[in-house]
Amino acid sequence: MTTKRLRRRGRRRLRRQAGEGHGVGGCGYRTKHSVTLTQNIDVVWRDCLELGCEFRTKQKGNLKVHRADVHDIGLTWLDCPEPNCSYKAKQKSSIKVHGVGVTWHACTELGCEYKAKK
């Protein structure tokens, strides 16, 4: 980097430390760019309403997953589709991951239906 560029970067750092930049009164949020300021203003926070829970998120989907995982609200247990498998999971992705590494080995004796996982 050139010396001029380094000096400019140092001045910006000093301005930020002095409290200059874009901000909203009372909020305390400060930013270098006005675009991120409007993004901060438009944010809608969603709080978990369960007693004693301090979880907070910006996205409705994250709140739904949190409530199902932590508080068992709106939870549906999913069963493994493989026969004779008792595995259950809260999320569809867990069922998929569970089935990936499973290899079934059948007994080679005539008339035997025994299967085992490796």
Protein backbone atom coordinates (compact mmCIF):
# COMPACT_ATOMS: atom_id res chain seq x y z
CA MET A 1 0.00 0.00 0.00
CA THR A 2 1.08 3.52 -0.64
CA THR A 3 1.86 5.95 2.16
CA LYS A 4 -1.03 8.19 1.13
CA ARG A 5 -3.47 5.29 1.37
CA LEU A 6 -2.18 4.30 4.81
CA ARG A 7 -2.59 7.87 6.09
CA ARG A 8 -6.16 8.01 4.76
CA ARG A 9 -6.97 4.70 6.46
CA GLY A 10 -5.53 6.00 9.73
CA ARG A 11 -7.65 9.17 9.56
CA ARG A 12 -10.80 7.09 9.00
CA ARG A 13 -9.96 4.94 12.00
CA LEU A 14 -9.49 8.04 14.14
CA ARG A 15 -12.82 9.48 12.95
CA ARG A 16 -14.63 6.25 13.85
CA GLN A 17 -13.03 6.23 17.29
CA ALA A 18 -14.10 9.83 17.80
CA GLY A 19 -17.71 8.84 17.05
CA GLU A 20 -18.10 10.35 13.62
CA GLY A 21 -20.12 8.54 10.96
CA HIS A 22 -23.74 7.65 10.37
CA GLY A 23 -25.95 6.96 13.36
CA VAL A 24 -29.44 7.24 14.80
CA GLY A 25 -30.06 9.19 17.97
CA GLY A 26 -30.70 7.02 21.02
CA CYS A 27 -29.88 3.70 19.34
CA GLY A 28 -26.12 3.84 19.67
CA TYR A 29 -25.59 1.98 16.41
CA ARG A 30 -22.95 3.67 14.23
CA THR A 31 -21.75 2.72 10.79
CA LYS A 32 -19.40 3.91 8.11
CA HIS A 33 -21.96 3.46 5.32
CA SER A 34 -25.50 4.87 5.25
CA VAL A 35 -26.82 1.70 3.54
CA THR A 36 -26.08 -0.45 6.58
CA LEU A 37 -27.77 2.20 8.74
CA THR A 38 -31.08 1.72 6.91
CA GLN A 39 -30.65 -2.04 7.16
CA ASN A 40 -30.31 -1.65 10.93
CA ILE A 41 -33.47 0.46 11.15
CA ASP A 42 -35.56 -2.00 9.08
CA VAL A 43 -34.64 -5.06 11.20
CA VAL A 44 -37.56 -6.80 12.92
CA TRP A 45 -36.39 -8.89 15.85
CA ARG A 46 -38.38 -11.99 16.80
CA ASP A 47 -38.12 -13.09 20.43
CA CYS A 48 -38.87 -16.52 21.85
CA LEU A 49 -41.86 -16.08 24.14
CA GLU A 50 -41.12 -19.05 26.38
CA LEU A 51 -40.56 -18.24 30.04
CA GLY A 52 -36.87 -17.67 30.82
CA CYS A 53 -35.69 -18.03 27.19
CA GLU A 54 -33.62 -15.16 25.82
CA PHE A 55 -33.34 -16.42 22.22
CA ARG A 56 -33.68 -13.66 19.63
CA THR A 57 -33.46 -13.82 15.83
CA LYS A 58 -34.15 -11.79 12.71
CA GLN A 59 -35.66 -14.66 10.70
CA LYS A 60 -39.00 -16.35 11.36
CA GLY A 61 -37.65 -19.74 10.21
CA ASN A 62 -34.84 -19.67 12.78
CA LEU A 63 -37.38 -19.02 15.55
CA LYS A 64 -39.47 -21.98 14.38
CA VAL A 65 -36.44 -24.31 14.40
CA HIS A 66 -35.39 -23.02 17.85
CA ARG A 67 -38.85 -23.62 19.32
CA ALA A 68 -38.95 -27.16 17.91
CA ASP A 69 -35.39 -28.08 18.98
CA VAL A 70 -35.26 -26.48 22.41
CA HIS A 71 -38.87 -26.31 23.59
CA ASP A 72 -40.47 -29.18 21.55
CA ILE A 73 -43.19 -26.82 20.23
CA GLY A 74 -44.57 -27.75 16.82
CA LEU A 75 -42.30 -30.79 16.78
CA THR A 76 -42.95 -33.80 14.57
CA TRP A 77 -40.68 -36.82 14.99
CA LEU A 78 -39.59 -38.37 11.68
CA ASP A 79 -38.90 -42.12 11.44
CA CYS A 80 -36.17 -43.71 9.35
CA PRO A 81 -37.75 -45.25 6.23
CA GLU A 82 -35.52 -48.35 6.40
CA PRO A 83 -37.28 -51.48 7.71
CA ASN A 84 -36.27 -52.60 11.22
CA CYS A 85 -34.58 -49.25 11.95
CA SER A 86 -35.74 -47.47 15.09
CA TYR A 87 -33.90 -44.20 14.38
CA LYS A 88 -35.98 -41.02 14.84
CA ALA A 89 -35.04 -37.41 14.19
CA LYS A 90 -36.48 -33.92 14.51
CA GLN A 91 -35.29 -32.72 11.10
CA LYS A 92 -35.49 -34.26 7.63
CA SER A 93 -31.81 -33.52 6.99
CA SER A 94 -30.83 -35.70 9.96
CA ILE A 95 -32.74 -38.64 8.46
CA LYS A 96 -30.86 -38.17 5.17
CA VAL A 97 -27.46 -38.04 6.90
CA HIS A 98 -28.37 -41.11 8.98
CA GLY A 99 -29.09 -43.15 5.85
CA VAL A 100 -25.91 -42.16 4.00
CA GLY A 101 -23.39 -44.26 5.89
CA VAL A 102 -25.61 -47.29 6.48
CA THR A 103 -24.73 -50.41 4.50
CA TRP A 104 -26.89 -53.46 5.09
CA HIS A 105 -25.32 -56.92 4.85
CA ALA A 106 -27.60 -59.91 4.50
CA CYS A 107 -26.84 -63.42 5.68
CA THR A 108 -25.86 -65.73 2.79
CA GLU A 109 -27.41 -68.87 4.32
CA LEU A 110 -30.46 -70.16 2.45
CA GLY A 111 -33.70 -69.13 4.17
CA CYS A 112 -32.03 -66.74 6.64
CA GLU A 113 -33.36 -63.17 6.60
CA TYR A 114 -30.83 -61.72 9.04
CA LYS A 115 -29.41 -58.28 8.12
CA ALA A 116 -26.76 -56.25 9.88
CA LYS A 117 -25.35 -52.76 9.51
CA LYS A 118 -21.67 -52.28 8.97
